[in-house]
Structures are given as C-alpha cells and as structure tokens.
Amino acid sequence: MNRPEPITTMAAEGLPRRRFTVAEIDHMTALGIFEEDERIELIGGEIVPMMAKGNPHEILKTVLNLYWAARLPPDLLFTTETTFRLSVDTFLEPDFVFYPKAVGIPGLTAATARLVVELSDSSLSYDLGRKARLYAGFGIAELWVIDAVSLSTRIHREPGSEGYGSVVDFTADQPLVPAALPALAVTLADLERH
C-alpha cells in the first residue's frame, strides 16, 4: 500500500503552535497516527520530519555496525537509530549511541551516553548546526558527525549551553579515537565499503 507523503508546513511565524511531549508521540505511534518506522524527531515539542537516507549513509552505517560490534568492550552497548529521549519534549534519533551495559536502554540518558555518532549525507548542515547545539545543550559528552560521502568527521567535545567548547575536524585517513572509549578507535579510510 502506498502511503501519501507526510503533510508538512513551515512554521507560522507569530502564531501560537501546540507543543507535543515524547509520551504523546509514543501514544500517537501506538494508535497508528505515526508509523513505527516513520522518521521524525521531536525538538522542543515540535515534530520535525527527517530527510531520507542515501546509499552512502546506509553503507557506512552497515560497515561501522560490524566494525564496532567486533570491538565492543564487554561493559558497553550500542544501539542504532534509537529514539533517544532527552527530555519530556525532545527526542533525537542518532545513528549510533554508546552507553554502559549496566544501565541498558531504560537508563540511556544524556548523562549515561558515552558517544553519539551521526552519519550525514543530505542532513550534514543540520547535524553540524542545530542538532549539534541540541546535543551540547543536553550535555552529550562526545558527538561525532561523519560526512558519509567524504568520510570527513567533526568531533565535538566539552558540551555547554552555547555549543561545544572543542570542535575538531578530521579527514578520512586520520584515526578517530573516542575520549572515553579508545577501544572503538577507527580510521574510516581503512574500512572496506561495498
């Protein structure tokens, strides 16, 4: 069955808008208003449709999934494309989030997340801009934004209310080493992508 594209609008400047909570979005999904696989994020109570993912994104996600699964320390878990609930009115869907096994998904919060990775092709400016500021504001200790086409990476550390205090760019042939998780170091140019 072909579903019509979701109806979206641009913000009606100057007019009040209704804010939603994560619980309300969960309930609407349970009722079938949103499909379980519909790609949205909730930012400050506003529903934001996500862009479609291209082949470079999906190829890199698959390769990194296999790479990191083989190197994951026994006390750590990672989840891909999870609904990362950051507050009562905000959730994001990072490509990877790493967290202690002891807390599991129920205990996954901004404070327990050890590393968040966003893979970008069509959403690069959004991920490097607004989304990075959101992660910083919630105190995500380390954020990687990887350009799925060029394999360049921007690593964000030292979160604060105005953004990240440390932002460093890396090329594909430079090793990427998570500050808290050195066992997961990766050099993107060395990965075999199909």
Protein backbone atom coordinates (compact mmCIF):
# COMPACT_ATOMS: atom_id res chain seq x y z
CA MET A 1 0.00 0.00 0.00
CA ASN A 2 1.39 3.41 -0.91
CA ARG A 3 1.17 5.90 1.89
CA PRO A 4 0.98 9.58 0.98
CA GLU A 5 3.94 11.72 1.94
CA PRO A 6 3.52 13.30 5.40
CA ILE A 7 2.00 16.72 5.27
CA THR A 8 4.48 19.29 6.49
CA THR A 9 4.33 23.03 6.80
CA MET A 10 6.80 25.77 7.55
CA ALA A 11 6.42 27.50 10.90
CA ALA A 12 3.60 30.04 11.04
CA GLU A 13 5.65 32.92 12.41
CA GLY A 14 3.92 34.88 15.10
CA LEU A 15 1.17 32.31 15.61
CA PRO A 16 0.99 30.00 18.62
CA ARG A 17 1.77 26.36 18.00
CA ARG A 18 0.86 23.31 20.08
CA ARG A 19 3.80 21.59 21.72
CA PHE A 20 3.86 17.80 21.96
CA THR A 21 5.55 15.58 24.53
CA VAL A 22 7.51 12.40 23.92
CA ALA A 23 4.71 10.47 25.68
CA GLU A 24 2.12 11.93 23.29
CA ILE A 25 4.21 10.96 20.25
CA ASP A 26 4.59 7.44 21.68
CA HIS A 27 0.80 7.28 22.13
CA MET A 28 0.14 8.58 18.59
CA THR A 29 2.52 5.93 17.24
CA ALA A 30 0.67 3.23 19.21
CA LEU A 31 -2.61 4.47 17.69
CA GLY A 32 -1.16 4.31 14.17
CA ILE A 33 -1.11 8.07 13.57
CA PHE A 34 2.63 7.74 13.02
CA GLU A 35 4.12 4.58 11.56
CA GLU A 36 6.73 2.93 13.78
CA ASP A 37 9.36 3.42 11.08
CA GLU A 38 8.34 6.98 10.19
CA ARG A 39 11.41 9.16 10.52
CA ILE A 40 10.69 12.09 12.83
CA GLU A 41 12.38 13.83 15.70
CA LEU A 42 10.76 15.90 18.43
CA ILE A 43 12.60 19.11 19.22
CA GLY A 44 11.25 21.33 21.96
CA GLY A 45 7.80 19.88 21.40
CA GLU A 46 7.79 20.38 17.61
CA ILE A 47 7.66 17.42 15.23
CA VAL A 48 10.47 17.56 12.68
CA PRO A 49 10.39 15.16 9.70
CA MET A 50 13.80 13.66 8.91
CA MET A 51 15.34 13.52 5.45
CA ALA A 52 15.64 10.24 3.57
CA LYS A 53 18.97 8.42 3.90
CA GLY A 54 21.08 7.83 0.80
CA ASN A 55 23.21 4.83 -0.11
CA PRO A 56 26.47 6.31 1.29
CA HIS A 57 24.75 6.69 4.66
CA GLU A 58 23.43 3.13 4.71
CA ILE A 59 26.70 1.59 3.50
CA LEU A 60 28.73 3.42 6.15
CA LYS A 61 26.21 2.56 8.87
CA THR A 62 26.42 -1.14 8.00
CA VAL A 63 30.24 -1.16 7.93
CA LEU A 64 30.54 0.73 11.24
CA ASN A 65 27.93 -1.51 12.85
CA LEU A 66 30.02 -4.60 12.04
CA TYR A 67 33.31 -2.89 12.95
CA TRP A 68 32.17 -1.63 16.36
CA ALA A 69 30.26 -4.81 17.25
CA ALA A 70 33.52 -6.77 16.90
CA ARG A 71 35.41 -4.35 19.18
CA LEU A 72 32.79 -3.52 21.79
CA PRO A 73 34.10 -3.78 25.37
CA PRO A 74 32.04 -6.22 27.48
CA ASP A 75 30.66 -3.47 29.74
CA LEU A 76 29.31 -1.40 26.85
CA LEU A 77 26.32 -1.49 24.47
CA PHE A 78 25.42 0.49 21.39
CA THR A 79 22.14 1.00 19.63
CA THR A 80 21.50 2.29 16.14
CA GLU A 81 18.76 4.72 15.18
CA THR A 82 17.09 4.60 18.57
CA THR A 83 14.60 7.12 19.86
CA PHE A 84 16.97 8.90 22.23
CA ARG A 85 14.69 10.57 24.79
CA LEU A 86 16.47 13.66 26.09
CA SER A 87 13.60 15.42 27.87
CA VAL A 88 9.81 15.34 28.10
CA ASP A 89 9.54 17.26 24.81
CA THR A 90 12.68 16.26 22.89
CA PHE A 91 13.93 13.09 21.28
CA LEU A 92 16.51 12.65 18.56
CA GLU A 93 17.41 9.60 16.50
CA PRO A 94 21.20 9.29 16.33
CA ASP A 95 22.75 6.70 14.04
CA PHE A 96 24.78 5.27 16.96
CA VAL A 97 24.68 5.83 20.69
CA PHE A 98 27.07 4.04 23.06
CA TYR A 99 26.22 3.55 26.75
CA PRO A 100 27.05 1.31 29.73
CA LYS A 101 25.54 -2.17 29.64
CA ALA A 102 24.63 -1.75 33.32
CA VAL A 103 22.05 0.97 32.53
CA GLY A 104 20.62 -0.59 29.36
CA ILE A 105 18.11 1.20 27.15
CA PRO A 106 15.88 2.15 30.13
CA GLY A 107 18.80 4.04 31.68
CA LEU A 108 20.00 5.68 28.47
CA THR A 109 20.10 9.41 29.10
CA ALA A 110 22.30 12.32 28.09
CA ALA A 111 24.35 11.66 31.24
CA THR A 112 24.89 7.96 30.50
CA ALA A 113 25.61 8.28 26.77
CA ARG A 114 29.36 7.87 26.21
CA LEU A 115 29.41 8.67 22.49
CA VAL A 116 26.81 9.74 19.92
CA VAL A 117 27.54 9.37 16.21
CA GLU A 118 25.55 11.00 13.42
CA LEU A 119 26.15 9.88 9.82
CA SER A 120 25.19 12.56 7.34
CA ASP A 121 24.68 12.86 3.65
CA SER A 122 21.64 15.03 2.92
CA SER A 123 21.42 16.30 6.54
CA LEU A 124 25.03 17.46 7.06
CA SER A 125 24.34 21.16 7.72
CA TYR A 126 21.51 20.30 10.13
CA ASP A 127 23.63 17.74 12.01
CA LEU A 128 26.61 20.13 12.27
CA GLY A 129 24.41 23.06 13.27
CA ARG A 130 21.13 22.81 15.11
CA LYS A 131 21.44 19.16 16.08
CA ALA A 132 24.98 19.59 17.46
CA ARG A 133 23.78 22.55 19.54
CA LEU A 134 20.92 20.42 20.89
CA TYR A 135 23.28 17.62 21.88
CA ALA A 136 25.61 20.13 23.56
CA GLY A 137 22.73 21.74 25.43
CA PHE A 138 21.74 18.34 26.82
CA GLY A 139 25.34 17.66 27.87
CA ILE A 140 26.26 14.87 25.45
CA ALA A 141 29.96 14.41 26.25
CA GLU A 142 31.12 13.49 22.75
CA LEU A 143 29.43 13.82 19.37
CA TRP A 144 30.83 12.71 16.04
CA VAL A 145 29.27 13.98 12.81
CA ILE A 146 30.59 11.94 9.89
CA ASP A 147 30.05 13.03 6.30
CA ALA A 148 29.03 9.72 4.71
CA VAL A 149 30.25 10.87 1.28
CA SER A 150 33.69 12.38 2.02
CA LEU A 151 34.24 10.45 5.28
CA SER A 152 35.41 13.65 6.97
CA THR A 153 34.42 13.85 10.62
CA ARG A 154 33.83 16.66 13.07
CA ILE A 155 34.35 15.61 16.69
CA HIS A 156 32.57 17.72 19.31
CA ARG A 157 33.60 17.65 22.99
CA GLU A 158 33.16 19.85 26.08
CA PRO A 159 29.40 20.47 25.85
CA GLY A 160 27.87 23.68 27.14
CA SER A 161 24.72 25.73 26.81
CA GLU A 162 26.17 27.66 23.84
CA GLY A 163 27.51 24.60 21.99
CA TYR A 164 30.66 22.53 22.19
CA GLY A 165 33.87 24.06 23.52
CA SER A 166 36.06 21.75 21.45
CA VAL A 167 35.29 21.10 17.78
CA VAL A 168 37.96 19.39 15.66
CA ASP A 169 37.80 18.26 12.03
CA PHE A 170 39.39 15.01 10.82
CA THR A 171 40.00 13.63 7.35
CA ALA A 172 39.14 10.06 6.39
CA ASP A 173 42.74 8.86 6.83
CA GLN A 174 43.12 10.17 10.38
CA PRO A 175 42.28 7.88 13.33
CA LEU A 176 39.13 8.79 15.27
CA VAL A 177 39.50 7.91 18.95
CA PRO A 178 36.60 8.39 21.37
CA ALA A 179 37.85 10.10 24.55
CA ALA A 180 36.10 7.66 26.90
CA LEU A 181 36.18 4.59 24.62
CA PRO A 182 39.62 4.20 22.98
CA ALA A 183 38.90 0.54 22.10
CA LEU A 184 36.45 1.83 19.48
CA ALA A 185 39.02 3.88 17.54
CA VAL A 186 38.51 3.75 13.80
CA THR A 187 40.15 5.11 10.65
CA LEU A 188 37.32 5.48 8.15
CA ALA A 189 39.56 5.27 5.06
CA ASP A 190 40.64 1.78 6.16
CA LEU A 191 37.11 0.38 6.20
CA GLU A 192 36.04 -1.77 3.28
CA ARG A 193 32.80 -0.30 1.99
CA HIS A 194 30.52 -2.05 -0.51
